[in-house]
C-alpha atoms as a PDB file:
ATOM      1  CA  MET A   1      59.067 134.980 177.175  1.00  0.00           C
ATOM      2  CA  ALA A   2      58.718 131.221 178.115  1.00  0.00           C
ATOM      3  CA  GLN A   3      61.460 129.119 177.540  1.00  0.00           C
ATOM      4  CA  VAL A   4      60.407 126.630 174.914  1.00  0.00           C
ATOM      5  CA  LYS A   5      61.647 123.072 175.857  1.00  0.00           C
ATOM      6  CA  THR A   6      63.671 121.440 172.840  1.00  0.00           C
ATOM      7  CA  ARG A   7      65.160 118.296 171.981  1.00  0.00           C
ATOM      8  CA  VAL A   8      68.159 117.530 169.776  1.00  0.00           C
ATOM      9  CA  LEU A   9      67.384 115.117 166.462  1.00  0.00           C
ATOM     10  CA  THR A  10      69.871 113.638 164.557  1.00  0.00           C
ATOM     11  CA  ALA A  11      69.708 112.960 160.765  1.00  0.00           C
ATOM     12  CA  HIS A  12      72.124 111.772 158.378  1.00  0.00           C
ATOM     13  CA  VAL A  13      71.587 113.995 155.122  1.00  0.00           C
ATOM     14  CA  PRO A  14      73.304 113.551 151.748  1.00  0.00           C
ATOM     15  CA  LEU A  15      76.393 116.092 151.907  1.00  0.00           C
ATOM     16  CA  SER A  16      74.615 117.893 148.806  1.00  0.00           C
ATOM     17  CA  LEU A  17      71.774 118.564 150.930  1.00  0.00           C
ATOM     18  CA  ALA A  18      73.901 119.588 153.847  1.00  0.00           C
ATOM     19  CA  GLU A  19      75.675 122.134 151.606  1.00  0.00           C
ATOM     20  CA  ARG A  20      72.495 123.415 150.227  1.00  0.00           C
ATOM     21  CA  VAL A  21      71.447 123.974 153.854  1.00  0.00           C
ATOM     22  CA  ASP A  22      74.688 125.789 154.532  1.00  0.00           C
ATOM     23  CA  GLN A  23      74.259 128.187 151.682  1.00  0.00           C
ATOM     24  CA  LEU A  24      70.892 129.170 152.567  1.00  0.00           C
ATOM     25  CA  SER A  25      71.979 129.759 156.191  1.00  0.00           C
ATOM     26  CA  VAL A  26      74.406 132.288 155.113  1.00  0.00           C
ATOM     27  CA  GLN A  27      72.048 133.785 152.420  1.00  0.00           C
ATOM     28  CA  LEU A  28      69.471 134.292 155.029  1.00  0.00           C
ATOM     29  CA  GLU A  29      71.410 135.009 157.760  1.00  0.00           C
ATOM     30  CA  ARG A  30      69.836 132.200 159.900  1.00  0.00           C
ATOM     31  CA  SER A  31      71.218 129.335 161.747  1.00  0.00           C
ATOM     32  CA  ARG A  32      71.302 125.696 160.111  1.00  0.00           C
ATOM     33  CA  GLY A  33      68.985 124.721 163.015  1.00  0.00           C
ATOM     34  CA  TRP A  34      66.486 127.549 162.206  1.00  0.00           C
ATOM     35  CA  ILE A  35      66.397 126.356 158.886  1.00  0.00           C
ATOM     36  CA  VAL A  36      65.804 122.657 159.724  1.00  0.00           C
ATOM     37  CA  LYS A  37      63.154 123.602 162.014  1.00  0.00           C
ATOM     38  CA  GLN A  38      61.415 125.555 159.334  1.00  0.00           C
ATOM     39  CA  ALA A  39      61.595 122.779 156.911  1.00  0.00           C
ATOM     40  CA  LEU A  40      60.671 120.028 158.964  1.00  0.00           C
ATOM     41  CA  SER A  41      57.565 121.958 160.541  1.00  0.00           C
ATOM     42  CA  ALA A  42      56.297 122.711 156.973  1.00  0.00           C
ATOM     43  CA  TRP A  43      56.924 119.028 155.878  1.00  0.00           C
ATOM     44  CA  ILE A  44      54.790 117.959 158.824  1.00  0.00           C
ATOM     45  CA  ASP A  45      52.117 120.195 158.222  1.00  0.00           C
ATOM     46  CA  GLN A  46      52.172 119.314 154.705  1.00  0.00           C
ATOM     47  CA  GLU A  47      51.873 115.569 155.463  1.00  0.00           C
ATOM     48  CA  GLU A  48      49.263 116.181 158.152  1.00  0.00           C
ATOM     49  CA  GLU A  49      47.007 118.041 155.771  1.00  0.00           C
ATOM     50  CA  HIS A  50      47.569 115.132 153.074  1.00  0.00           C
ATOM     51  CA  ASN A  51      46.728 112.657 155.597  1.00  0.00           C
ATOM     52  CA  ARG A  52      43.355 114.677 156.641  1.00  0.00           C
ATOM     53  CA  LEU A  53      42.268 115.029 152.952  1.00  0.00           C
ATOM     54  CA  THR A  54      43.007 111.174 152.325  1.00  0.00           C
ATOM     55  CA  ARG A  55      40.713 110.091 155.363  1.00  0.00           C
ATOM     56  CA  GLU A  56      38.301 112.766 154.183  1.00  0.00           C
ATOM     57  CA  ALA A  57      38.131 111.281 150.483  1.00  0.00           C
ATOM     58  CA  LEU A  58      38.101 107.341 151.967  1.00  0.00           C
ATOM     59  CA  ALA A  59      34.990 108.320 154.110  1.00  0.00           C
ATOM     60  CA  ASP A  60      33.515 109.887 151.008  1.00  0.00           C
ATOM     61  CA  VAL A  61      34.166 106.444 149.176  1.00  0.00           C
ATOM     62  CA  ASP A  62      32.611 104.720 152.282  1.00  0.00           C
ATOM     63  CA  THR A  63      29.366 106.613 151.916  1.00  0.00           C
ATOM     64  CA  ASN A  64      29.391 106.693 148.324  1.00  0.00           C
ATOM     65  CA  CYS A  65      29.775 110.311 147.841  1.00  0.00           C
ATOM     66  CA  VAL A  66      31.908 110.175 144.476  1.00  0.00           C
ATOM     67  CA  ILE A  67      31.763 111.353 140.963  1.00  0.00           C
ATOM     68  CA  ASP A  68      32.322 108.660 138.455  1.00  0.00           C
ATOM     69  CA  HIS A  69      35.286 108.745 136.081  1.00  0.00           C
ATOM     70  CA  GLN A  70      33.102 109.244 132.968  1.00  0.00           C
ATOM     71  CA  SER A  71      31.307 112.436 134.271  1.00  0.00           C
ATOM     72  CA  ILE A  72      34.598 113.945 135.329  1.00  0.00           C
ATOM     73  CA  GLN A  73      36.068 113.213 132.003  1.00  0.00           C
ATOM     74  CA  VAL A  74      33.017 114.760 130.066  1.00  0.00           C
ATOM     75  CA  TRP A  75      33.446 117.939 132.327  1.00  0.00           C
ATOM     76  CA  ALA A  76      37.173 118.039 131.551  1.00  0.00           C
ATOM     77  CA  ASP A  77      36.814 117.640 127.830  1.00  0.00           C
ATOM     78  CA  SER A  78      34.407 120.534 127.862  1.00  0.00           C
ATOM     79  CA  LEU A  79      36.866 122.980 129.392  1.00  0.00           C
ATOM     80  CA  GLY A  80      38.577 123.868 126.451  1.00  0.00           C
ATOM     81  CA  THR A  81      35.479 124.416 124.382  1.00  0.00           C
ATOM     82  CA  ASP A  82      33.100 127.326 123.690  1.00  0.00           C
ATOM     83  CA  SER A  83      30.515 126.189 126.386  1.00  0.00           C
ATOM     84  CA  PRO A  84      32.447 124.411 129.459  1.00  0.00           C
ATOM     85  CA  LEU A  85      30.227 122.343 131.311  1.00  0.00           C
ATOM     86  CA  GLU A  86      29.237 122.884 135.347  1.00  0.00           C
ATOM     87  CA  PRO A  87      31.516 120.709 137.032  1.00  0.00           C
ATOM     88  CA  PRO A  88      29.710 117.509 138.021  1.00  0.00           C
ATOM     89  CA  ARG A  89      28.306 117.297 141.836  1.00  0.00           C
END
């Protein structure tokens, strides 16, 4: 298996958060480094997806591909009734 190059990152975290990482490390029988790598990777994935969705939404606004608030409100209000409306398009 190829050796992955790594680099040390240092961050100051609140003591309570560090203690939670330590507790999880014991519970999962994993190193603190493994837990931090998993958490950082998941957070970066989440932020990249958030950024992608934001850019997509802004592009929709730029092309006027939007649904007005009133249409959404009418649809949302219908969801609790016996005859809910189709989502606006």
